[in-house]
N, C-alpha and C. Protein backbone atom coordinates (compact mmCIF):
# COMPACT_ATOMS: atom_id res chain seq x y z
N UNK A 1 137.31 77.62 -91.26
CA UNK A 1 137.29 77.49 -89.83
C UNK A 1 136.17 78.39 -89.30
N UNK A 2 135.24 77.77 -88.61
CA UNK A 2 134.12 78.52 -88.03
C UNK A 2 134.47 78.85 -86.59
N UNK A 3 134.19 80.08 -86.17
CA UNK A 3 134.43 80.51 -84.80
C UNK A 3 133.09 80.83 -84.16
N UNK A 4 132.77 80.13 -83.09
CA UNK A 4 131.50 80.30 -82.37
C UNK A 4 131.81 80.92 -81.01
N UNK A 5 131.17 82.03 -80.67
CA UNK A 5 131.45 82.75 -79.43
C UNK A 5 130.27 82.63 -78.48
N UNK A 6 130.56 82.25 -77.24
CA UNK A 6 129.56 82.12 -76.18
C UNK A 6 130.01 82.98 -75.01
N UNK A 7 129.09 83.74 -74.43
CA UNK A 7 129.42 84.55 -73.26
C UNK A 7 128.46 84.22 -72.13
N UNK A 8 128.92 84.48 -70.91
CA UNK A 8 128.01 84.30 -69.79
C UNK A 8 127.16 85.55 -69.62
N UNK A 9 126.30 85.58 -68.64
CA UNK A 9 125.38 86.70 -68.47
C UNK A 9 126.07 87.98 -68.02
N UNK A 10 127.32 87.89 -67.60
CA UNK A 10 128.05 89.06 -67.10
C UNK A 10 128.90 89.75 -68.16
N UNK A 11 129.01 89.15 -69.33
CA UNK A 11 129.78 89.74 -70.43
C UNK A 11 128.83 89.96 -71.60
N UNK A 12 128.72 91.20 -72.02
CA UNK A 12 127.84 91.53 -73.14
C UNK A 12 128.45 91.05 -74.44
N UNK A 13 127.76 90.18 -75.13
CA UNK A 13 128.26 89.61 -76.37
C UNK A 13 127.81 90.41 -77.58
N UNK A 14 128.27 91.65 -77.72
CA UNK A 14 127.85 92.48 -78.85
C UNK A 14 128.71 92.20 -80.09
N UNK A 15 128.34 92.84 -81.18
CA UNK A 15 129.01 92.63 -82.47
C UNK A 15 130.48 93.04 -82.42
N UNK A 16 130.76 94.13 -81.73
CA UNK A 16 132.15 94.60 -81.64
C UNK A 16 133.04 93.59 -80.93
N UNK A 17 132.53 92.99 -79.84
CA UNK A 17 133.28 91.96 -79.13
C UNK A 17 133.49 90.75 -80.03
N UNK A 18 132.46 90.34 -80.75
CA UNK A 18 132.56 89.18 -81.64
C UNK A 18 133.62 89.41 -82.71
N UNK A 19 133.64 90.58 -83.32
CA UNK A 19 134.64 90.88 -84.34
C UNK A 19 136.04 90.87 -83.77
N UNK A 20 136.20 91.44 -82.57
CA UNK A 20 137.51 91.48 -81.93
C UNK A 20 138.00 90.06 -81.63
N UNK A 21 137.15 89.25 -81.01
CA UNK A 21 137.53 87.89 -80.63
C UNK A 21 137.85 87.06 -81.88
N UNK A 22 137.00 87.16 -82.90
CA UNK A 22 137.25 86.42 -84.14
C UNK A 22 138.57 86.82 -84.77
N UNK A 23 138.89 88.11 -84.75
CA UNK A 23 140.15 88.58 -85.31
C UNK A 23 141.36 88.03 -84.59
N UNK A 24 141.33 88.05 -83.26
CA UNK A 24 142.44 87.53 -82.46
C UNK A 24 142.60 86.02 -82.67
N UNK A 25 141.51 85.29 -82.54
CA UNK A 25 141.56 83.83 -82.64
C UNK A 25 141.97 83.41 -84.06
N UNK A 26 141.34 83.99 -85.07
CA UNK A 26 141.67 83.62 -86.46
C UNK A 26 143.12 83.97 -86.78
N UNK A 27 143.58 85.11 -86.31
CA UNK A 27 144.96 85.52 -86.57
C UNK A 27 145.97 84.57 -85.95
N UNK A 28 145.70 84.14 -84.74
CA UNK A 28 146.63 83.25 -84.03
C UNK A 28 146.59 81.83 -84.60
N UNK A 29 145.42 81.40 -85.08
CA UNK A 29 145.27 80.01 -85.54
C UNK A 29 145.27 79.89 -87.06
N UNK A 30 145.59 80.95 -87.76
CA UNK A 30 145.53 80.97 -89.22
C UNK A 30 146.31 79.83 -89.87
N UNK A 31 147.47 79.51 -89.32
CA UNK A 31 148.30 78.45 -89.93
C UNK A 31 147.67 77.07 -89.83
N UNK A 32 146.67 76.92 -88.95
CA UNK A 32 145.97 75.64 -88.79
C UNK A 32 144.58 75.66 -89.42
N UNK A 33 144.22 76.74 -90.11
CA UNK A 33 142.86 76.94 -90.61
C UNK A 33 142.35 75.79 -91.48
N UNK A 34 143.22 75.16 -92.26
CA UNK A 34 142.77 74.08 -93.13
C UNK A 34 142.53 72.78 -92.36
N UNK A 35 143.01 72.70 -91.12
CA UNK A 35 142.84 71.48 -90.33
C UNK A 35 141.74 71.61 -89.27
N UNK A 36 141.41 72.85 -88.89
CA UNK A 36 140.40 73.09 -87.85
C UNK A 36 139.04 73.28 -88.51
N UNK A 37 138.05 72.56 -88.00
CA UNK A 37 136.70 72.74 -88.54
C UNK A 37 135.94 73.81 -87.77
N UNK A 38 136.17 73.87 -86.44
CA UNK A 38 135.45 74.84 -85.62
C UNK A 38 136.24 75.16 -84.37
N UNK A 39 136.12 76.41 -83.93
CA UNK A 39 136.68 76.85 -82.64
C UNK A 39 135.53 77.42 -81.83
N UNK A 40 135.36 76.91 -80.61
CA UNK A 40 134.35 77.46 -79.71
C UNK A 40 135.05 78.32 -78.68
N UNK A 41 134.54 79.52 -78.48
CA UNK A 41 135.07 80.47 -77.51
C UNK A 41 134.05 80.64 -76.41
N UNK A 42 134.46 80.43 -75.17
CA UNK A 42 133.58 80.61 -74.02
C UNK A 42 134.20 81.68 -73.13
N UNK A 43 133.50 82.81 -73.00
CA UNK A 43 133.97 83.93 -72.18
C UNK A 43 133.13 84.04 -70.93
N UNK A 44 133.79 84.27 -69.79
CA UNK A 44 133.06 84.39 -68.53
C UNK A 44 133.76 85.38 -67.61
N UNK A 45 132.96 86.04 -66.81
CA UNK A 45 133.45 86.90 -65.74
C UNK A 45 133.12 86.15 -64.45
N UNK A 46 134.12 85.52 -63.86
CA UNK A 46 133.87 84.61 -62.75
C UNK A 46 133.44 85.29 -61.46
N UNK A 47 133.82 86.56 -61.28
CA UNK A 47 133.41 87.27 -60.06
C UNK A 47 132.27 88.23 -60.30
N UNK A 48 131.79 88.29 -61.50
CA UNK A 48 130.68 89.17 -61.88
C UNK A 48 130.89 90.60 -61.41
N UNK A 49 129.98 91.12 -60.66
CA UNK A 49 130.01 92.52 -60.25
C UNK A 49 131.03 92.82 -59.15
N UNK A 50 131.63 91.81 -58.53
CA UNK A 50 132.57 92.01 -57.44
C UNK A 50 133.93 92.53 -57.91
N UNK A 51 134.32 92.21 -59.11
CA UNK A 51 135.64 92.61 -59.60
C UNK A 51 136.72 91.71 -59.05
N UNK A 52 137.96 92.10 -59.26
CA UNK A 52 139.08 91.30 -58.78
C UNK A 52 140.06 91.01 -59.89
N UNK A 53 141.19 90.47 -59.50
CA UNK A 53 142.22 90.16 -60.48
C UNK A 53 141.98 88.79 -61.10
N UNK A 54 142.35 88.69 -62.34
CA UNK A 54 142.26 87.44 -63.10
C UNK A 54 140.88 86.81 -63.02
N UNK A 55 139.84 87.61 -63.09
CA UNK A 55 138.49 87.07 -62.99
C UNK A 55 137.81 86.87 -64.34
N UNK A 56 138.48 87.26 -65.43
CA UNK A 56 137.94 87.02 -66.77
C UNK A 56 138.54 85.71 -67.29
N UNK A 57 137.67 84.83 -67.77
CA UNK A 57 138.12 83.52 -68.25
C UNK A 57 137.76 83.35 -69.71
N UNK A 58 138.71 82.85 -70.47
CA UNK A 58 138.47 82.49 -71.87
C UNK A 58 138.85 81.02 -72.04
N UNK A 59 137.88 80.22 -72.43
CA UNK A 59 138.14 78.82 -72.73
C UNK A 59 137.95 78.64 -74.23
N UNK A 60 138.96 78.09 -74.88
CA UNK A 60 138.89 77.83 -76.32
C UNK A 60 138.92 76.32 -76.55
N UNK A 61 138.09 75.88 -77.46
CA UNK A 61 138.05 74.46 -77.83
C UNK A 61 138.11 74.37 -79.34
N UNK A 62 139.18 73.76 -79.84
CA UNK A 62 139.36 73.60 -81.29
C UNK A 62 139.01 72.18 -81.69
N UNK A 63 138.27 72.08 -82.76
CA UNK A 63 137.91 70.77 -83.31
C UNK A 63 138.69 70.56 -84.59
N UNK A 64 139.63 69.64 -84.51
CA UNK A 64 140.44 69.28 -85.66
C UNK A 64 139.79 68.06 -86.31
N UNK A 65 139.66 68.09 -87.61
CA UNK A 65 138.99 67.01 -88.34
C UNK A 65 139.61 65.66 -87.98
N UNK A 66 138.76 64.73 -87.55
CA UNK A 66 139.19 63.38 -87.24
C UNK A 66 139.90 63.21 -85.91
N UNK A 67 139.90 64.23 -85.06
CA UNK A 67 140.58 64.19 -83.76
C UNK A 67 139.63 64.62 -82.65
N UNK A 68 139.99 64.30 -81.43
CA UNK A 68 139.23 64.79 -80.28
C UNK A 68 139.49 66.29 -80.13
N UNK A 69 138.56 67.02 -79.53
CA UNK A 69 138.77 68.46 -79.35
C UNK A 69 139.98 68.77 -78.47
N UNK A 70 140.63 69.87 -78.76
CA UNK A 70 141.73 70.38 -77.95
C UNK A 70 141.23 71.63 -77.26
N UNK A 71 141.34 71.66 -75.92
CA UNK A 71 140.81 72.79 -75.16
C UNK A 71 141.87 73.39 -74.26
N UNK A 72 141.82 74.73 -74.11
CA UNK A 72 142.70 75.46 -73.20
C UNK A 72 141.88 76.53 -72.50
N UNK A 73 142.39 76.98 -71.35
CA UNK A 73 141.75 78.04 -70.59
C UNK A 73 142.80 79.04 -70.15
N UNK A 74 142.42 80.33 -70.16
CA UNK A 74 143.32 81.38 -69.68
C UNK A 74 142.51 82.39 -68.88
N UNK A 75 143.05 82.77 -67.72
CA UNK A 75 142.44 83.78 -66.86
C UNK A 75 143.26 85.06 -66.95
N UNK A 76 142.60 86.21 -66.94
CA UNK A 76 143.29 87.50 -67.00
C UNK A 76 142.41 88.58 -66.39
N UNK A 77 142.98 89.80 -66.32
CA UNK A 77 142.24 90.94 -65.76
C UNK A 77 141.18 91.48 -66.72
N UNK A 78 141.40 91.31 -68.04
CA UNK A 78 140.46 91.81 -69.03
C UNK A 78 140.09 90.69 -70.00
N UNK A 79 138.97 90.87 -70.67
CA UNK A 79 138.54 89.90 -71.68
C UNK A 79 139.57 89.83 -72.80
N UNK A 80 140.09 90.98 -73.22
CA UNK A 80 141.06 91.02 -74.31
C UNK A 80 142.31 90.21 -73.97
N UNK A 81 142.82 90.39 -72.74
CA UNK A 81 144.00 89.64 -72.31
C UNK A 81 143.70 88.15 -72.21
N UNK A 82 142.52 87.80 -71.75
CA UNK A 82 142.14 86.39 -71.62
C UNK A 82 142.05 85.73 -73.00
N UNK A 83 141.47 86.44 -73.98
CA UNK A 83 141.36 85.89 -75.34
C UNK A 83 142.74 85.72 -75.96
N UNK A 84 143.58 86.74 -75.82
CA UNK A 84 144.93 86.67 -76.40
C UNK A 84 145.73 85.54 -75.77
N UNK A 85 145.67 85.41 -74.45
CA UNK A 85 146.41 84.35 -73.76
C UNK A 85 145.92 82.97 -74.15
N UNK A 86 144.62 82.79 -74.21
CA UNK A 86 144.06 81.49 -74.58
C UNK A 86 144.39 81.15 -76.04
N UNK A 87 144.37 82.14 -76.91
CA UNK A 87 144.69 81.91 -78.32
C UNK A 87 146.13 81.44 -78.48
N UNK A 88 147.04 82.06 -77.74
CA UNK A 88 148.44 81.65 -77.79
C UNK A 88 148.61 80.24 -77.26
N UNK A 89 147.94 79.93 -76.14
CA UNK A 89 148.02 78.58 -75.58
C UNK A 89 147.48 77.54 -76.56
N UNK A 90 146.37 77.86 -77.21
CA UNK A 90 145.77 76.92 -78.15
C UNK A 90 146.67 76.70 -79.35
N UNK A 91 147.29 77.75 -79.84
CA UNK A 91 148.22 77.61 -80.98
C UNK A 91 149.37 76.68 -80.61
N UNK A 92 149.93 76.85 -79.42
CA UNK A 92 151.03 75.98 -78.98
C UNK A 92 150.55 74.53 -78.84
N UNK A 93 149.36 74.35 -78.25
CA UNK A 93 148.83 72.99 -78.07
C UNK A 93 148.58 72.31 -79.41
N UNK A 94 148.00 73.04 -80.36
CA UNK A 94 147.75 72.47 -81.68
C UNK A 94 149.06 72.17 -82.41
N UNK A 95 150.04 73.04 -82.26
CA UNK A 95 151.34 72.80 -82.89
C UNK A 95 151.94 71.49 -82.38
N UNK A 96 151.91 71.29 -81.06
CA UNK A 96 152.44 70.05 -80.48
C UNK A 96 151.65 68.84 -80.97
N UNK A 97 150.32 68.94 -80.92
CA UNK A 97 149.47 67.81 -81.30
C UNK A 97 149.66 67.43 -82.76
N UNK A 98 149.65 68.42 -83.64
CA UNK A 98 149.77 68.14 -85.07
C UNK A 98 151.18 67.74 -85.46
N UNK A 99 152.19 68.23 -84.73
CA UNK A 99 153.56 67.81 -85.00
C UNK A 99 153.74 66.32 -84.69
N UNK A 100 153.08 65.86 -83.62
CA UNK A 100 153.14 64.44 -83.29
C UNK A 100 152.51 63.60 -84.39
N UNK A 101 151.40 64.09 -84.94
CA UNK A 101 150.74 63.36 -86.04
C UNK A 101 151.64 63.30 -87.27
N UNK A 102 152.28 64.41 -87.57
CA UNK A 102 153.16 64.45 -88.74
C UNK A 102 154.38 63.53 -88.56
N UNK A 103 154.85 63.37 -87.34
CA UNK A 103 156.01 62.53 -87.05
C UNK A 103 155.69 61.06 -87.27
N UNK A 104 154.42 60.71 -87.12
CA UNK A 104 154.03 59.30 -87.32
C UNK A 104 153.95 59.05 -88.79
């Protein structure tokens, strides 16, 4: 499973952030690793320098082999909370989607 991280101009995409995000996403989606080909992570600070609540956005898009992409978005006060929330949402979405496939 390849994890690709994209940030907007307001979030510094350094190595430490990449390692943290990859660890959270890979840990949450580990049970689906053999079915996912790629996960794209899009991080953004929607209010930039103004600040505010829930202004950090994490959008995750998982590509499951032979299926359309599954995408989720989570807003939070920090990048870490946004990544964790989006990872949990994506795990639930993939569980539902793949359970339906298994039922057929």
